[in-house]
């Protein structure tokens, strides 16, 4: 006798990672999923994750490929990214119509998580930005939207960091 088939969510799209290399691959994979939006919530915009050429190529592909594309970045401490001339910060200065970087208000400084959401459907998440352990999923709208809700809440109370902008005289 055949058992009735029950639709199971496709778990092939979700994976857990534990090393720096796996975390970098997850960030690149999720950025590659983006067709309209990419939202990054990070304490300091870790260069190991967000400064690699493959990741930056995906960001560039997104913003140059779609006139309506948008990348938003929320940082808890922008100092390190500004001081070291982070490549994503430099890219945002040249593509300011598409990439915006803000600083989270003091109310959200205690959060130690790091996550990225692509198009409200794909995400990469690390509960502690100081560790490489995390999870990513290329097709999980409910979880991605939950992260995006937090991102939007913090974004609405964030500050525009003047040091991210370059004055052209």
N, C-alpha and C. Protein backbone atom coordinates (compact mmCIF):
# COMPACT_ATOMS: atom_id res chain seq x y z
N UNK A 1 0.84 -1.17 0.00
CA UNK A 1 0.00 0.00 0.00
C UNK A 1 0.89 1.24 0.00
N UNK A 2 0.57 2.19 -0.87
CA UNK A 2 1.34 3.41 -1.00
C UNK A 2 0.90 4.43 0.03
N UNK A 3 1.88 5.07 0.62
CA UNK A 3 1.56 6.13 1.58
C UNK A 3 1.19 7.41 0.83
N UNK A 4 0.27 8.17 1.36
CA UNK A 4 -0.06 9.44 0.71
C UNK A 4 1.13 10.38 0.79
N UNK A 5 1.36 11.11 -0.27
CA UNK A 5 2.49 12.03 -0.25
C UNK A 5 2.05 13.35 0.35
N UNK A 6 2.86 13.86 1.23
CA UNK A 6 2.62 15.15 1.86
C UNK A 6 3.67 16.11 1.33
N UNK A 7 3.25 17.28 0.98
CA UNK A 7 4.20 18.26 0.48
C UNK A 7 5.09 18.71 1.63
N UNK A 8 6.37 18.54 1.45
CA UNK A 8 7.36 18.99 2.42
C UNK A 8 8.05 20.23 1.87
N UNK A 9 8.34 21.22 2.70
CA UNK A 9 9.09 22.36 2.21
C UNK A 9 10.44 21.87 1.68
N UNK A 10 10.90 22.52 0.65
CA UNK A 10 12.16 22.14 0.02
C UNK A 10 13.32 22.55 0.90
N UNK A 11 13.87 21.59 1.62
CA UNK A 11 14.98 21.89 2.53
C UNK A 11 16.31 21.94 1.79
N UNK A 12 16.30 21.66 0.48
CA UNK A 12 17.53 21.74 -0.29
C UNK A 12 18.03 23.16 -0.42
N UNK A 13 17.20 24.14 -0.16
CA UNK A 13 17.62 25.52 -0.31
C UNK A 13 18.29 26.07 0.95
N UNK A 14 18.16 25.36 2.06
CA UNK A 14 18.71 25.82 3.33
C UNK A 14 19.98 25.05 3.65
N UNK A 15 20.97 25.79 4.17
CA UNK A 15 22.18 25.11 4.63
C UNK A 15 22.76 25.83 5.84
N UNK A 16 23.41 25.05 6.66
CA UNK A 16 24.07 25.55 7.85
C UNK A 16 25.55 25.64 7.54
N UNK A 17 26.21 26.65 8.07
CA UNK A 17 27.65 26.79 7.85
C UNK A 17 28.36 27.07 9.17
N UNK A 18 29.66 26.78 9.20
CA UNK A 18 30.41 26.93 10.45
C UNK A 18 31.80 27.52 10.27
N UNK A 19 32.26 27.70 9.04
CA UNK A 19 33.60 28.23 8.82
C UNK A 19 33.53 29.56 8.06
N UNK A 20 34.62 30.27 8.07
CA UNK A 20 34.69 31.54 7.35
C UNK A 20 34.45 31.33 5.86
N UNK A 21 35.03 30.29 5.29
CA UNK A 21 34.87 30.01 3.87
C UNK A 21 33.40 29.73 3.53
N UNK A 22 32.73 28.96 4.38
CA UNK A 22 31.32 28.66 4.16
C UNK A 22 30.45 29.91 4.32
N UNK A 23 30.79 30.75 5.30
CA UNK A 23 30.04 32.00 5.50
C UNK A 23 30.21 32.91 4.29
N UNK A 24 31.42 33.01 3.75
CA UNK A 24 31.66 33.83 2.55
C UNK A 24 30.87 33.30 1.37
N UNK A 25 30.87 31.99 1.20
CA UNK A 25 30.12 31.38 0.09
C UNK A 25 28.62 31.66 0.25
N UNK A 26 28.12 31.60 1.47
CA UNK A 26 26.70 31.87 1.72
C UNK A 26 26.34 33.31 1.37
N UNK A 27 27.18 34.25 1.75
CA UNK A 27 26.93 35.67 1.45
C UNK A 27 26.92 35.89 -0.06
N UNK A 28 27.84 35.27 -0.76
CA UNK A 28 27.89 35.40 -2.22
C UNK A 28 26.65 34.78 -2.85
N UNK A 29 26.26 33.60 -2.38
CA UNK A 29 25.07 32.93 -2.93
C UNK A 29 23.80 33.75 -2.73
N UNK A 30 23.64 34.33 -1.56
CA UNK A 30 22.43 35.11 -1.30
C UNK A 30 22.47 36.40 -2.12
N UNK A 31 23.61 37.04 -2.22
CA UNK A 31 23.71 38.24 -3.06
C UNK A 31 23.39 37.91 -4.52
N UNK A 32 23.78 36.73 -4.97
CA UNK A 32 23.50 36.32 -6.35
C UNK A 32 22.00 36.11 -6.59
N UNK A 33 21.25 35.86 -5.53
CA UNK A 33 19.79 35.69 -5.65
C UNK A 33 19.07 37.01 -5.86
N UNK A 34 19.69 38.11 -5.46
CA UNK A 34 19.02 39.41 -5.49
C UNK A 34 18.75 39.88 -6.91
N UNK A 35 17.52 40.31 -7.13
CA UNK A 35 17.11 40.87 -8.42
C UNK A 35 16.62 42.32 -8.26
N UNK A 36 16.21 42.68 -7.02
CA UNK A 36 15.70 44.02 -6.77
C UNK A 36 16.35 44.68 -5.56
N UNK A 37 16.42 43.92 -4.46
CA UNK A 37 16.91 44.53 -3.21
C UNK A 37 17.89 43.62 -2.50
N UNK A 38 18.79 44.27 -1.79
CA UNK A 38 19.74 43.57 -0.92
C UNK A 38 19.88 44.43 0.33
N UNK A 39 19.55 43.86 1.48
CA UNK A 39 19.60 44.58 2.74
C UNK A 39 20.58 43.87 3.67
N UNK A 40 21.55 44.63 4.17
CA UNK A 40 22.62 44.07 5.02
C UNK A 40 22.57 44.74 6.38
N UNK A 41 22.51 43.93 7.43
CA UNK A 41 22.55 44.40 8.81
C UNK A 41 23.81 43.83 9.43
N UNK A 42 24.76 44.67 9.77
CA UNK A 42 26.05 44.18 10.24
C UNK A 42 26.63 45.13 11.29
N UNK A 43 27.26 44.58 12.32
CA UNK A 43 27.89 45.47 13.30
C UNK A 43 28.96 46.37 12.67
N UNK A 44 29.86 45.79 11.86
CA UNK A 44 30.98 46.58 11.33
C UNK A 44 31.27 46.35 9.85
N UNK A 45 30.44 45.62 9.15
CA UNK A 45 30.64 45.30 7.74
C UNK A 45 31.95 44.51 7.58
N UNK A 46 31.96 43.36 8.20
CA UNK A 46 33.14 42.50 8.23
C UNK A 46 33.76 42.35 6.84
N UNK A 47 35.02 42.79 6.67
CA UNK A 47 35.65 42.70 5.35
C UNK A 47 35.81 41.27 4.84
N UNK A 48 35.91 40.32 5.73
CA UNK A 48 36.03 38.92 5.30
C UNK A 48 34.79 38.47 4.53
N UNK A 49 33.64 39.06 4.84
CA UNK A 49 32.39 38.69 4.17
C UNK A 49 31.99 39.66 3.08
N UNK A 50 32.13 40.95 3.35
CA UNK A 50 31.52 41.96 2.50
C UNK A 50 32.51 42.76 1.66
N UNK A 51 33.74 42.31 1.57
CA UNK A 51 34.71 43.05 0.78
C UNK A 51 35.35 42.19 -0.31
N UNK A 52 34.97 40.93 -0.38
CA UNK A 52 35.52 40.04 -1.39
C UNK A 52 35.06 40.42 -2.79
N UNK A 53 35.89 40.16 -3.77
CA UNK A 53 35.58 40.54 -5.15
C UNK A 53 34.32 39.85 -5.68
N UNK A 54 34.10 38.59 -5.31
CA UNK A 54 32.90 37.89 -5.80
C UNK A 54 31.63 38.54 -5.24
N UNK A 55 31.66 38.87 -3.95
CA UNK A 55 30.50 39.53 -3.35
C UNK A 55 30.27 40.89 -4.00
N UNK A 56 31.32 41.70 -4.12
CA UNK A 56 31.19 43.02 -4.70
C UNK A 56 30.73 42.95 -6.16
N UNK A 57 31.14 41.93 -6.87
CA UNK A 57 30.68 41.73 -8.25
C UNK A 57 29.17 41.49 -8.30
N UNK A 58 28.66 40.75 -7.32
CA UNK A 58 27.22 40.50 -7.26
C UNK A 58 26.46 41.79 -6.95
N UNK A 59 27.00 42.60 -6.06
CA UNK A 59 26.37 43.88 -5.74
C UNK A 59 26.37 44.78 -6.99
N UNK A 60 27.49 44.83 -7.66
CA UNK A 60 27.61 45.66 -8.86
C UNK A 60 26.65 45.17 -9.95
N UNK A 61 26.56 43.85 -10.13
CA UNK A 61 25.63 43.26 -11.10
C UNK A 61 24.21 43.70 -10.80
N UNK A 62 23.84 43.66 -9.53
CA UNK A 62 22.49 44.03 -9.12
C UNK A 62 22.19 45.49 -9.45
N UNK A 63 23.04 46.39 -8.98
CA UNK A 63 22.71 47.81 -9.11
C UNK A 63 22.90 48.34 -10.53
N UNK A 64 23.79 47.76 -11.30
CA UNK A 64 23.96 48.23 -12.67
C UNK A 64 23.03 47.53 -13.65
N UNK A 65 22.47 46.41 -13.22
CA UNK A 65 21.59 45.64 -14.09
C UNK A 65 20.13 46.05 -14.03
N UNK A 66 19.74 46.74 -12.98
CA UNK A 66 18.34 47.12 -12.80
C UNK A 66 18.28 48.58 -12.34
N UNK A 67 17.55 49.39 -13.03
CA UNK A 67 17.47 50.80 -12.65
C UNK A 67 16.74 51.01 -11.32
N UNK A 68 15.95 50.04 -10.92
CA UNK A 68 15.19 50.16 -9.67
C UNK A 68 15.83 49.38 -8.51
N UNK A 69 17.00 48.83 -8.72
CA UNK A 69 17.67 48.05 -7.67
C UNK A 69 18.10 48.95 -6.52
N UNK A 70 18.16 48.35 -5.34
CA UNK A 70 18.53 49.11 -4.14
C UNK A 70 19.30 48.21 -3.19
N UNK A 71 20.38 48.76 -2.64
CA UNK A 71 21.15 48.08 -1.60
C UNK A 71 21.16 49.00 -0.40
N UNK A 72 20.73 48.46 0.73
CA UNK A 72 20.75 49.23 1.98
C UNK A 72 21.64 48.49 2.97
N UNK A 73 22.47 49.26 3.66
CA UNK A 73 23.40 48.69 4.63
C UNK A 73 23.22 49.43 5.95
N UNK A 74 23.01 48.66 7.02
CA UNK A 74 22.91 49.21 8.37
C UNK A 74 24.09 48.73 9.19
N UNK A 75 24.83 49.66 9.76
CA UNK A 75 25.98 49.31 10.59
C UNK A 75 25.74 49.78 12.02
N UNK A 76 26.28 49.03 12.95
CA UNK A 76 26.22 49.46 14.33
C UNK A 76 27.41 50.33 14.67
N UNK A 77 28.56 50.04 14.08
CA UNK A 77 29.77 50.83 14.29
C UNK A 77 30.42 51.08 12.93
N UNK A 78 30.20 52.23 12.35
CA UNK A 78 30.74 52.49 11.02
C UNK A 78 32.24 52.82 11.01
N UNK A 79 32.81 53.10 12.17
CA UNK A 79 34.21 53.52 12.26
C UNK A 79 35.19 52.64 11.50
N UNK A 80 35.21 51.33 11.76
CA UNK A 80 36.18 50.47 11.06
C UNK A 80 36.02 50.49 9.54
N UNK A 81 34.80 50.49 9.05
CA UNK A 81 34.58 50.49 7.59
C UNK A 81 35.06 51.80 6.98
N UNK A 82 34.83 52.90 7.65
CA UNK A 82 35.25 54.21 7.14
C UNK A 82 36.77 54.32 7.18
N UNK A 83 37.36 53.95 8.32
CA UNK A 83 38.80 54.10 8.50
C UNK A 83 39.62 53.27 7.53
N UNK A 84 39.17 52.07 7.24
CA UNK A 84 39.98 51.23 6.37
C UNK A 84 39.60 51.35 4.89
N UNK A 85 38.67 52.24 4.58
CA UNK A 85 38.30 52.43 3.19
C UNK A 85 37.65 51.20 2.58
N UNK A 86 36.68 50.65 3.27
CA UNK A 86 35.99 49.43 2.84
C UNK A 86 35.53 49.57 1.40
N UNK A 87 35.70 48.54 0.60
CA UNK A 87 35.37 48.59 -0.83
C UNK A 87 33.87 48.80 -1.09
N UNK A 88 33.02 48.25 -0.23
CA UNK A 88 31.59 48.48 -0.42
C UNK A 88 31.24 49.93 -0.12
N UNK A 89 31.91 50.53 0.85
CA UNK A 89 31.72 51.95 1.15
C UNK A 89 32.15 52.78 -0.06
N UNK A 90 33.29 52.46 -0.63
CA UNK A 90 33.77 53.17 -1.82
C UNK A 90 32.78 53.01 -2.98
N UNK A 91 32.26 51.81 -3.16
CA UNK A 91 31.29 51.56 -4.22
C UNK A 91 30.03 52.41 -3.98
N UNK A 92 29.62 52.52 -2.72
CA UNK A 92 28.42 53.29 -2.40
C UNK A 92 28.62 54.77 -2.73
N UNK A 93 29.82 55.26 -2.62
CA UNK A 93 30.10 56.65 -2.95
C UNK A 93 29.95 56.92 -4.44
N UNK A 94 30.28 55.93 -5.25
CA UNK A 94 30.16 56.07 -6.70
C UNK A 94 28.75 55.76 -7.20
N UNK A 95 28.04 54.94 -6.46
CA UNK A 95 26.70 54.50 -6.87
C UNK A 95 25.67 54.87 -5.82
N UNK A 96 25.74 56.11 -5.34
CA UNK A 96 24.92 56.54 -4.21
C UNK A 96 23.42 56.52 -4.51
N UNK A 97 23.03 56.50 -5.77
CA UNK A 97 21.61 56.40 -6.10
C UNK A 97 21.07 55.00 -5.82
N UNK A 98 21.97 54.02 -5.72
CA UNK A 98 21.56 52.62 -5.56
C UNK A 98 21.95 52.03 -4.21
N UNK A 99 23.02 52.53 -3.61
CA UNK A 99 23.56 51.95 -2.37
C UNK A 99 23.55 53.02 -1.29
N UNK A 100 22.86 52.73 -0.19
CA UNK A 100 22.80 53.66 0.93
C UNK A 100 23.27 52.96 2.20
N UNK A 101 24.11 53.65 2.95
CA UNK A 101 24.63 53.10 4.20
C UNK A 101 24.25 54.02 5.33
N UNK A 102 23.72 53.43 6.39
CA UNK A 102 23.32 54.19 7.57
C UNK A 102 23.88 53.53 8.82
N UNK A 103 23.83 54.30 9.91
CA UNK A 103 24.25 53.82 11.22
C UNK A 103 23.00 53.59 12.07
N UNK A 104 22.91 52.41 12.67
CA UNK A 104 21.78 52.10 13.55
C UNK A 104 21.81 53.02 14.76
N UNK A 105 20.65 53.41 15.21
CA UNK A 105 20.58 54.28 16.39
C UNK A 105 21.06 53.50 17.62
N UNK A 106 21.36 54.25 18.67
CA UNK A 106 21.89 53.66 19.90
C UNK A 106 20.96 52.60 20.49
N UNK A 107 19.67 52.70 20.22
CA UNK A 107 18.71 51.72 20.73
C UNK A 107 18.98 50.31 20.23
N UNK A 108 19.68 50.19 19.11
CA UNK A 108 19.91 48.88 18.50
C UNK A 108 21.37 48.46 18.53
N UNK A 109 22.21 49.18 19.27
CA UNK A 109 23.64 48.89 19.29
C UNK A 109 23.99 47.56 19.92
N UNK A 110 23.19 47.06 20.82
CA UNK A 110 23.52 45.84 21.54
C UNK A 110 23.36 44.57 20.69
N UNK A 111 22.74 44.67 19.55
CA UNK A 111 22.51 43.49 18.71
C UNK A 111 23.84 43.01 18.17
N UNK A 112 24.12 41.74 18.32
CA UNK A 112 25.37 41.19 17.84
C UNK A 112 25.22 40.36 16.59
N UNK A 113 24.03 40.38 16.01
CA UNK A 113 23.78 39.54 14.85
C UNK A 113 24.24 40.20 13.55
N UNK A 114 24.35 39.39 12.53
CA UNK A 114 24.76 39.85 11.21
C UNK A 114 23.89 39.10 10.21
N UNK A 115 23.16 39.83 9.36
CA UNK A 115 22.32 39.13 8.38
C UNK A 115 22.18 39.94 7.10
N UNK A 116 21.77 39.25 6.06
CA UNK A 116 21.53 39.87 4.77
C UNK A 116 20.28 39.23 4.17
N UNK A 117 19.43 40.06 3.55
CA UNK A 117 18.20 39.58 2.93
C UNK A 117 18.18 40.04 1.48
N UNK A 118 17.87 39.12 0.58
CA UNK A 118 17.74 39.43 -0.84
C UNK A 118 16.28 39.27 -1.26
N UNK A 119 15.70 40.33 -1.78
CA UNK A 119 14.35 40.31 -2.35
C UNK A 119 13.28 39.72 -1.44
N UNK A 120 13.39 39.88 -0.17
CA UNK A 120 12.39 39.38 0.80
C UNK A 120 12.18 37.88 0.73
N UNK A 121 13.13 37.15 0.15
CA UNK A 121 12.92 35.70 0.03
C UNK A 121 14.15 34.86 0.34
N UNK A 122 15.34 35.43 0.28
CA UNK A 122 16.57 34.69 0.57
C UNK A 122 17.30 35.41 1.70
N UNK A 123 18.00 34.66 2.54
CA UNK A 123 18.71 35.29 3.65
C UNK A 123 19.94 34.49 4.04
N UNK A 124 20.86 35.19 4.69
CA UNK A 124 21.97 34.58 5.40
C UNK A 124 21.97 35.21 6.78
N UNK A 125 22.16 34.39 7.82
CA UNK A 125 22.01 34.88 9.19
C UNK A 125 23.06 34.26 10.09
N UNK A 126 23.72 35.11 10.88
CA UNK A 126 24.62 34.67 11.95
C UNK A 126 24.16 35.34 13.23
N UNK A 127 23.84 34.56 14.24
CA UNK A 127 23.34 35.10 15.50
C UNK A 127 24.40 35.94 16.21
N UNK A 128 25.66 35.58 16.03
CA UNK A 128 26.78 36.31 16.63
C UNK A 128 27.77 36.65 15.52
N UNK A 129 27.93 37.91 15.27
CA UNK A 129 28.84 38.32 14.19
C UNK A 129 30.29 37.97 14.50
N UNK A 130 30.58 37.68 15.74
CA UNK A 130 31.95 37.32 16.13
C UNK A 130 32.26 35.85 15.83
N UNK A 131 31.25 35.09 15.40
CA UNK A 131 31.44 33.68 15.07
C UNK A 131 30.97 33.43 13.64
N UNK A 132 31.49 32.37 13.03
CA UNK A 132 31.15 32.07 11.64
C UNK A 132 29.90 31.22 11.50
N UNK A 133 29.41 30.63 12.58
CA UNK A 133 28.24 29.75 12.52
C UNK A 133 27.01 30.52 12.05
N UNK A 134 26.26 29.90 11.14
CA UNK A 134 25.05 30.54 10.69
C UNK A 134 24.24 29.65 9.78
N UNK A 135 23.24 30.25 9.15
CA UNK A 135 22.35 29.53 8.25
C UNK A 135 22.02 30.45 7.08
N UNK A 136 21.80 29.85 5.93
CA UNK A 136 21.32 30.62 4.79
C UNK A 136 20.27 29.80 4.06
N UNK A 137 19.42 30.50 3.34
CA UNK A 137 18.37 29.84 2.58
C UNK A 137 18.07 30.72 1.37
N UNK A 138 18.04 30.11 0.21
CA UNK A 138 17.77 30.86 -1.02
C UNK A 138 16.29 30.97 -1.33
N UNK A 139 15.45 30.30 -0.55
CA UNK A 139 14.01 30.34 -0.80
C UNK A 139 13.22 30.11 0.48
N UNK A 140 13.16 31.14 1.31
CA UNK A 140 12.41 31.05 2.56
C UNK A 140 11.80 32.41 2.88
N UNK A 141 10.70 32.70 2.23
CA UNK A 141 10.06 34.01 2.40
C UNK A 141 9.67 34.31 3.84
N UNK A 142 9.10 33.37 4.59
CA UNK A 142 8.69 33.72 5.96
C UNK A 142 9.86 34.16 6.84
N UNK A 143 10.95 33.45 6.78
CA UNK A 143 12.10 33.81 7.63
C UNK A 143 12.78 35.07 7.10
N UNK A 144 12.94 35.16 5.79
CA UNK A 144 13.55 36.35 5.19
C UNK A 144 12.74 37.60 5.54
N UNK A 145 11.44 37.49 5.48
CA UNK A 145 10.58 38.64 5.79
C UNK A 145 10.68 39.02 7.26
N UNK A 146 10.85 38.05 8.12
CA UNK A 146 11.00 38.35 9.55
C UNK A 146 12.28 39.17 9.78
N UNK A 147 13.38 38.77 9.13
CA UNK A 147 14.62 39.54 9.23
C UNK A 147 14.45 40.92 8.61
N UNK A 148 13.74 40.98 7.50
CA UNK A 148 13.53 42.26 6.82
C UNK A 148 12.67 43.21 7.66
N UNK A 149 11.72 42.68 8.41
CA UNK A 149 10.92 43.51 9.31
C UNK A 149 11.80 44.18 10.36
N UNK A 150 12.73 43.41 10.94
CA UNK A 150 13.66 43.98 11.91
C UNK A 150 14.53 45.03 11.22
N UNK A 151 15.05 44.69 10.05
CA UNK A 151 15.90 45.61 9.31
C UNK A 151 15.14 46.94 9.08
N UNK A 152 13.92 46.86 8.61
CA UNK A 152 13.14 48.05 8.30
C UNK A 152 12.87 48.88 9.55
N UNK A 153 12.58 48.22 10.65
CA UNK A 153 12.37 48.93 11.91
C UNK A 153 13.61 49.71 12.31
N UNK A 154 14.77 49.07 12.23
CA UNK A 154 16.02 49.74 12.60
C UNK A 154 16.34 50.84 11.57
N UNK A 155 16.13 50.56 10.28
CA UNK A 155 16.40 51.51 9.21
C UNK A 155 15.63 52.82 9.42
N UNK A 156 14.37 52.69 9.82
CA UNK A 156 13.53 53.87 10.01
C UNK A 156 14.02 54.76 11.16
N UNK A 157 14.79 54.20 12.07
CA UNK A 157 15.31 54.97 13.20
C UNK A 157 16.82 55.17 13.10
N UNK A 158 17.37 54.93 11.94
CA UNK A 158 18.83 55.01 11.77
C UNK A 158 19.26 56.42 11.37
N UNK A 159 20.56 56.60 11.39
CA UNK A 159 21.15 57.90 11.09
C UNK A 159 21.96 57.80 9.80
N UNK A 160 21.88 58.84 8.98
CA UNK A 160 22.71 58.88 7.79
C UNK A 160 24.11 59.31 8.21
N UNK A 161 25.08 58.52 7.88
CA UNK A 161 26.47 58.77 8.27
C UNK A 161 27.13 59.66 7.22
N UNK A 162 27.48 60.87 7.60
CA UNK A 162 28.07 61.82 6.64
C UNK A 162 29.44 61.35 6.14
N UNK A 163 30.16 60.58 6.94
CA UNK A 163 31.48 60.11 6.52
C UNK A 163 31.41 59.11 5.38
N UNK A 164 30.23 58.57 5.10
CA UNK A 164 30.09 57.64 3.98
C UNK A 164 29.96 58.38 2.65
N UNK A 165 29.71 59.66 2.74
CA UNK A 165 29.53 60.44 1.51
C UNK A 165 30.79 61.22 1.21
N UNK A 166 31.11 61.33 -0.04
CA UNK A 166 32.27 62.10 -0.48
C UNK A 166 31.75 63.38 -1.13
N UNK A 167 32.35 64.47 -0.76
CA UNK A 167 31.97 65.74 -1.38
C UNK A 167 32.73 65.89 -2.69
N UNK A 168 32.01 66.17 -3.74
CA UNK A 168 32.63 66.41 -5.04
C UNK A 168 32.62 67.92 -5.29
N UNK A 169 33.77 68.50 -5.34
CA UNK A 169 33.86 69.96 -5.54
C UNK A 169 34.28 70.28 -6.96
